[in-house]
């Protein structure tokens, strides 16, 4: 009788799918920021925001630490306290929690069973005069159809 334990050995070497490549300039810039200890409000952040604002033609640009913070900030700018915000029923928790933290009420919308994207018909059915925003989460390289 053959024992599997005696034949198969665990893989010890790690197989990389890809290897990131950074120029010396990028590494130097990152090291500069880390050594200064100003990860969010330093001169590099202000420079980045200014470059981004100019490149996009926006009046304002404000960088945040992650997507959850971006959702929260965006909702703070566009909803009134207590308004309803449509969010897909299948998404990362930040889609709904950002609504709550911004003072809104999340309203869960069904998703299309084939794409897992927000079901537009259900979104229309759940839209009323108290709806202040919709958070259309795009998933798996697919964009919610409008």
Protein backbone atom coordinates (compact mmCIF):
# COMPACT_ATOMS: atom_id res chain seq x y z
CA UNK A 1 0.00 0.00 0.00
CA UNK A 2 1.30 3.45 -0.95
CA UNK A 3 1.24 6.15 1.71
CA UNK A 4 0.77 9.66 0.38
CA UNK A 5 2.96 11.11 3.13
CA UNK A 6 5.93 9.15 1.85
CA UNK A 7 5.55 10.39 -1.74
CA UNK A 8 4.43 14.01 -1.67
CA UNK A 9 6.64 16.70 -0.28
CA UNK A 10 5.38 20.21 0.46
CA UNK A 11 6.54 22.96 -1.85
CA UNK A 12 9.20 24.91 -0.01
CA UNK A 13 10.01 27.58 -2.57
CA UNK A 14 7.61 30.46 -3.04
CA UNK A 15 6.47 30.92 -6.63
CA UNK A 16 6.00 34.59 -7.51
CA UNK A 17 3.31 35.62 -9.95
CA UNK A 18 5.03 38.91 -10.59
CA UNK A 19 7.87 41.01 -9.28
CA UNK A 20 7.22 44.72 -8.77
CA UNK A 21 9.73 47.05 -10.34
CA UNK A 22 10.47 50.52 -8.92
CA UNK A 23 12.95 53.02 -10.28
CA UNK A 24 15.66 54.34 -7.97
CA UNK A 25 13.92 57.74 -8.04
CA UNK A 26 10.63 56.26 -6.77
CA UNK A 27 12.41 54.35 -3.99
CA UNK A 28 14.28 57.53 -2.98
CA UNK A 29 11.04 59.53 -2.87
CA UNK A 30 9.30 56.90 -0.73
CA UNK A 31 12.28 56.70 1.61
CA UNK A 32 12.28 60.50 1.91
CA UNK A 33 8.60 60.54 2.95
CA UNK A 34 9.03 57.67 5.42
CA UNK A 35 12.09 59.23 7.06
CA UNK A 36 10.31 62.58 7.51
CA UNK A 37 7.41 60.87 9.26
CA UNK A 38 4.78 62.98 7.50
CA UNK A 39 2.78 60.32 5.70
CA UNK A 40 -0.41 62.30 5.20
CA UNK A 41 0.05 66.04 5.55
CA UNK A 42 3.59 66.63 4.37
CA UNK A 43 4.89 68.63 1.45
CA UNK A 44 4.93 65.56 -0.81
CA UNK A 45 1.21 65.05 -0.28
CA UNK A 46 0.50 68.70 -1.01
CA UNK A 47 2.64 68.50 -4.17
CA UNK A 48 0.81 65.34 -5.28
CA UNK A 49 -2.61 66.93 -4.70
CA UNK A 50 -1.59 70.04 -6.64
CA UNK A 51 -0.26 67.98 -9.58
CA UNK A 52 -3.39 65.82 -9.59
CA UNK A 53 -5.66 68.89 -9.47
CA UNK A 54 -3.86 70.54 -12.38
CA UNK A 55 -3.72 67.37 -14.46
CA UNK A 56 -7.44 66.64 -14.07
CA UNK A 57 -8.57 70.26 -14.27
CA UNK A 58 -10.33 69.95 -10.93
CA UNK A 59 -10.78 72.91 -8.63
CA UNK A 60 -9.82 70.82 -5.60
CA UNK A 61 -7.92 67.61 -4.91
CA UNK A 62 -7.67 65.94 -1.53
CA UNK A 63 -5.85 62.66 -1.02
CA UNK A 64 -7.03 60.14 1.53
CA UNK A 65 -5.55 56.99 3.01
CA UNK A 66 -7.84 54.40 1.38
CA UNK A 67 -11.04 53.73 -0.56
CA UNK A 68 -13.19 53.64 2.57
CA UNK A 69 -12.04 57.13 3.52
CA UNK A 70 -12.67 58.28 -0.06
CA UNK A 71 -16.26 56.99 0.04
CA UNK A 72 -16.82 58.65 3.41
CA UNK A 73 -15.43 61.99 2.25
CA UNK A 74 -17.37 61.90 -1.01
CA UNK A 75 -20.63 61.17 0.78
CA UNK A 76 -20.00 63.92 3.34
CA UNK A 77 -19.79 66.31 0.39
CA UNK A 78 -23.00 65.25 -1.33
CA UNK A 79 -25.64 63.94 1.08
CA UNK A 80 -27.82 65.49 3.74
CA UNK A 81 -28.13 63.81 7.15
CA UNK A 82 -30.84 61.15 7.11
CA UNK A 83 -31.08 60.82 3.33
CA UNK A 84 -31.23 57.40 1.71
CA UNK A 85 -28.23 56.11 -0.22
CA UNK A 86 -28.57 53.10 -2.51
CA UNK A 87 -25.81 50.51 -2.13
CA UNK A 88 -25.46 47.06 -3.69
CA UNK A 89 -26.29 44.08 -1.51
CA UNK A 90 -23.04 42.42 -2.61
CA UNK A 91 -20.05 44.61 -1.82
CA UNK A 92 -17.31 45.36 0.67
CA UNK A 93 -18.72 46.61 3.99
CA UNK A 94 -17.32 50.10 3.37
CA UNK A 95 -20.01 50.75 0.75
CA UNK A 96 -22.66 50.77 3.48
CA UNK A 97 -20.60 51.82 6.51
CA UNK A 98 -19.40 55.00 4.76
CA UNK A 99 -23.06 55.93 4.26
CA UNK A 100 -23.78 55.46 7.97
CA UNK A 101 -20.69 57.43 9.04
CA UNK A 102 -21.70 60.27 6.70
CA UNK A 103 -25.14 60.43 8.33
CA UNK A 104 -27.10 58.66 5.62
CA UNK A 105 -29.28 55.56 5.61
CA UNK A 106 -28.05 52.69 3.42
CA UNK A 107 -30.71 51.06 1.26
CA UNK A 108 -29.60 47.70 -0.10
CA UNK A 109 -30.28 47.02 -3.76
CA UNK A 110 -30.35 43.56 -5.32
CA UNK A 111 -27.53 42.54 -7.63
CA UNK A 112 -27.64 40.89 -11.01
CA UNK A 113 -27.04 37.15 -10.42
CA UNK A 114 -24.77 36.89 -13.47
CA UNK A 115 -22.54 39.93 -12.95
CA UNK A 116 -22.99 40.59 -9.20
CA UNK A 117 -23.35 44.26 -10.13
CA UNK A 118 -26.12 46.54 -8.90
CA UNK A 119 -29.50 45.66 -10.46
CA UNK A 120 -30.59 48.89 -12.16
CA UNK A 121 -34.28 47.94 -12.19
CA UNK A 122 -34.26 47.29 -8.43
CA UNK A 123 -32.38 50.56 -7.90
CA UNK A 124 -35.11 52.47 -9.76
CA UNK A 125 -37.80 50.75 -7.68
CA UNK A 126 -36.06 51.80 -4.45
CA UNK A 127 -35.44 55.38 -5.54
CA UNK A 128 -37.70 58.08 -4.08
CA UNK A 129 -37.58 61.77 -3.18
CA UNK A 130 -35.45 61.05 -0.09
CA UNK A 131 -32.72 59.27 -2.10
CA UNK A 132 -29.61 61.42 -1.99
CA UNK A 133 -27.02 59.25 -3.72
CA UNK A 134 -26.16 55.88 -5.15
CA UNK A 135 -22.91 53.98 -4.62
CA UNK A 136 -22.53 51.88 -7.80
CA UNK A 137 -19.78 49.40 -6.94
CA UNK A 138 -17.99 48.15 -10.05
CA UNK A 139 -16.67 44.59 -9.65
CA UNK A 140 -14.42 42.10 -11.40
CA UNK A 141 -13.55 44.51 -14.20
CA UNK A 142 -17.23 45.16 -14.93
CA UNK A 143 -18.92 48.55 -14.78
CA UNK A 144 -22.46 49.03 -13.51
CA UNK A 145 -24.58 49.91 -16.57
CA UNK A 146 -26.35 53.28 -16.41
